[in-house]
Amino acid sequence: MNAQLMIQPSFFIENGVQLRPVRGLFLFKFSEELQGRLTSLNEKQRELQLSPDETAELTGILELDRIFTLLNAKIIAESA
């Protein structure tokens, strides 16, 4: 896989995403497995040991994290 590509964020949604209650609101969160994978990939990145496929995976997970941050902020703002 080309390192410039990313795994599409939608790839992770079926098994890697949960809606969890937080202070009475349901927010998007990573599953424990996906959070663990993100942590592992971040560690490998710090050690400069990511393969091109892992770089594409990390890019997709980080994009999904940005999407969730925006969605969760919108949910919180609209509940106020």
C-alpha atoms as a PDB file:
ATOM      1  CA  MET A   1       0.000   0.000   0.000  1.00  0.00           C
ATOM      2  CA  ASN A   2       1.253   3.483  -0.795  1.00  0.00           C
ATOM      3  CA  ALA A   3       2.178   5.433   2.347  1.00  0.00           C
ATOM      4  CA  GLN A   4       0.306   8.470   1.030  1.00  0.00           C
ATOM      5  CA  LEU A   5      -3.003   6.625   1.176  1.00  0.00           C
ATOM      6  CA  MET A   6      -5.139   6.042   4.201  1.00  0.00           C
ATOM      7  CA  ILE A   7      -7.572   3.389   5.227  1.00  0.00           C
ATOM      8  CA  GLN A   8     -10.973   5.024   5.008  1.00  0.00           C
ATOM      9  CA  PRO A   9     -12.376   5.923   8.450  1.00  0.00           C
ATOM     10  CA  SER A  10     -15.604   4.075   7.623  1.00  0.00           C
ATOM     11  CA  PHE A  11     -13.615   0.820   7.667  1.00  0.00           C
ATOM     12  CA  PHE A  12     -13.300   1.062  11.468  1.00  0.00           C
ATOM     13  CA  ILE A  13     -16.915   1.952  12.290  1.00  0.00           C
ATOM     14  CA  GLU A  14     -18.523  -1.493  12.459  1.00  0.00           C
ATOM     15  CA  ASN A  15     -16.224  -2.976  15.115  1.00  0.00           C
ATOM     16  CA  GLY A  16     -14.228  -0.031  16.396  1.00  0.00           C
ATOM     17  CA  VAL A  17     -16.880   2.468  17.406  1.00  0.00           C
ATOM     18  CA  GLN A  18     -19.264   2.683  20.321  1.00  0.00           C
ATOM     19  CA  LEU A  19     -21.827   5.157  21.563  1.00  0.00           C
ATOM     20  CA  ARG A  20     -21.279   5.656  25.282  1.00  0.00           C
ATOM     21  CA  PRO A  21     -23.210   7.751  27.768  1.00  0.00           C
ATOM     22  CA  VAL A  22     -21.195  10.660  29.134  1.00  0.00           C
ATOM     23  CA  ARG A  23     -22.991  13.035  31.523  1.00  0.00           C
ATOM     24  CA  GLY A  24     -26.357  12.138  30.046  1.00  0.00           C
ATOM     25  CA  LEU A  25     -25.265  12.411  26.399  1.00  0.00           C
ATOM     26  CA  PHE A  26     -24.374   9.600  24.037  1.00  0.00           C
ATOM     27  CA  LEU A  27     -20.986  10.341  22.498  1.00  0.00           C
ATOM     28  CA  PHE A  28     -18.894   8.529  19.902  1.00  0.00           C
ATOM     29  CA  LYS A  29     -15.931   6.653  21.405  1.00  0.00           C
ATOM     30  CA  PHE A  30     -13.404   4.116  20.148  1.00  0.00           C
ATOM     31  CA  SER A  31     -13.773   0.539  21.309  1.00  0.00           C
ATOM     32  CA  GLU A  32     -11.047  -0.705  23.650  1.00  0.00           C
ATOM     33  CA  GLU A  33      -9.547  -2.675  20.762  1.00  0.00           C
ATOM     34  CA  LEU A  34      -9.371   0.314  18.410  1.00  0.00           C
ATOM     35  CA  GLN A  35      -8.026   2.566  21.160  1.00  0.00           C
ATOM     36  CA  GLY A  36      -5.344  -0.029  21.888  1.00  0.00           C
ATOM     37  CA  ARG A  37      -4.439  -0.221  18.217  1.00  0.00           C
ATOM     38  CA  LEU A  38      -4.169   3.568  18.041  1.00  0.00           C
ATOM     39  CA  THR A  39      -1.865   3.564  21.057  1.00  0.00           C
ATOM     40  CA  SER A  40       0.278   0.821  19.536  1.00  0.00           C
ATOM     41  CA  LEU A  41       0.569   2.595  16.182  1.00  0.00           C
ATOM     42  CA  ASN A  42       1.426   5.901  17.884  1.00  0.00           C
ATOM     43  CA  GLU A  43       4.215   4.176  19.824  1.00  0.00           C
ATOM     44  CA  LYS A  44       5.619   2.628  16.659  1.00  0.00           C
ATOM     45  CA  GLN A  45       5.433   6.003  14.934  1.00  0.00           C
ATOM     46  CA  ARG A  46       7.448   7.620  17.739  1.00  0.00           C
ATOM     47  CA  GLU A  47      10.056   4.880  17.271  1.00  0.00           C
ATOM     48  CA  LEU A  48      10.004   5.436  13.473  1.00  0.00           C
ATOM     49  CA  GLN A  49       9.018   1.790  12.936  1.00  0.00           C
ATOM     50  CA  LEU A  50       5.715   2.105  11.049  1.00  0.00           C
ATOM     51  CA  SER A  51       5.320   0.180   7.812  1.00  0.00           C
ATOM     52  CA  PRO A  52       3.521   1.895   4.918  1.00  0.00           C
ATOM     53  CA  ASP A  53       0.390  -0.180   5.668  1.00  0.00           C
ATOM     54  CA  GLU A  54       0.504   0.857   9.330  1.00  0.00           C
ATOM     55  CA  THR A  55       0.952   4.482   8.314  1.00  0.00           C
ATOM     56  CA  ALA A  56      -2.206   4.227   6.190  1.00  0.00           C
ATOM     57  CA  GLU A  57      -4.047   2.597   9.098  1.00  0.00           C
ATOM     58  CA  LEU A  58      -2.915   5.264  11.568  1.00  0.00           C
ATOM     59  CA  THR A  59      -3.927   8.037   9.178  1.00  0.00           C
ATOM     60  CA  GLY A  60      -7.428   6.566   8.873  1.00  0.00           C
ATOM     61  CA  ILE A  61      -7.842   6.133  12.626  1.00  0.00           C
ATOM     62  CA  LEU A  62      -6.675   9.700  13.280  1.00  0.00           C
ATOM     63  CA  GLU A  63      -9.133  11.023  10.687  1.00  0.00           C
ATOM     64  CA  LEU A  64     -11.933   9.103  12.396  1.00  0.00           C
ATOM     65  CA  ASP A  65     -10.806  10.614  15.713  1.00  0.00           C
ATOM     66  CA  ARG A  66     -11.048  14.116  14.219  1.00  0.00           C
ATOM     67  CA  ILE A  67     -14.529  13.342  12.878  1.00  0.00           C
ATOM     68  CA  PHE A  68     -15.653  12.101  16.304  1.00  0.00           C
ATOM     69  CA  THR A  69     -14.220  15.159  18.011  1.00  0.00           C
ATOM     70  CA  LEU A  70     -16.303  17.393  15.739  1.00  0.00           C
ATOM     71  CA  LEU A  71     -19.461  15.287  16.085  1.00  0.00           C
ATOM     72  CA  ASN A  72     -19.158  15.049  19.857  1.00  0.00           C
ATOM     73  CA  ALA A  73     -18.576  18.813  20.130  1.00  0.00           C
ATOM     74  CA  LYS A  74     -21.719  19.386  18.071  1.00  0.00           C
ATOM     75  CA  ILE A  75     -23.736  17.007  20.269  1.00  0.00           C
ATOM     76  CA  ILE A  76     -22.516  18.754  23.416  1.00  0.00           C
ATOM     77  CA  ALA A  77     -23.148  22.248  22.002  1.00  0.00           C
ATOM     78  CA  GLU A  78     -26.680  21.380  20.893  1.00  0.00           C
ATOM     79  CA  SER A  79     -27.540  19.919  24.297  1.00  0.00           C
ATOM     80  CA  ALA A  80     -26.786  23.170  26.117  1.00  0.00           C
END
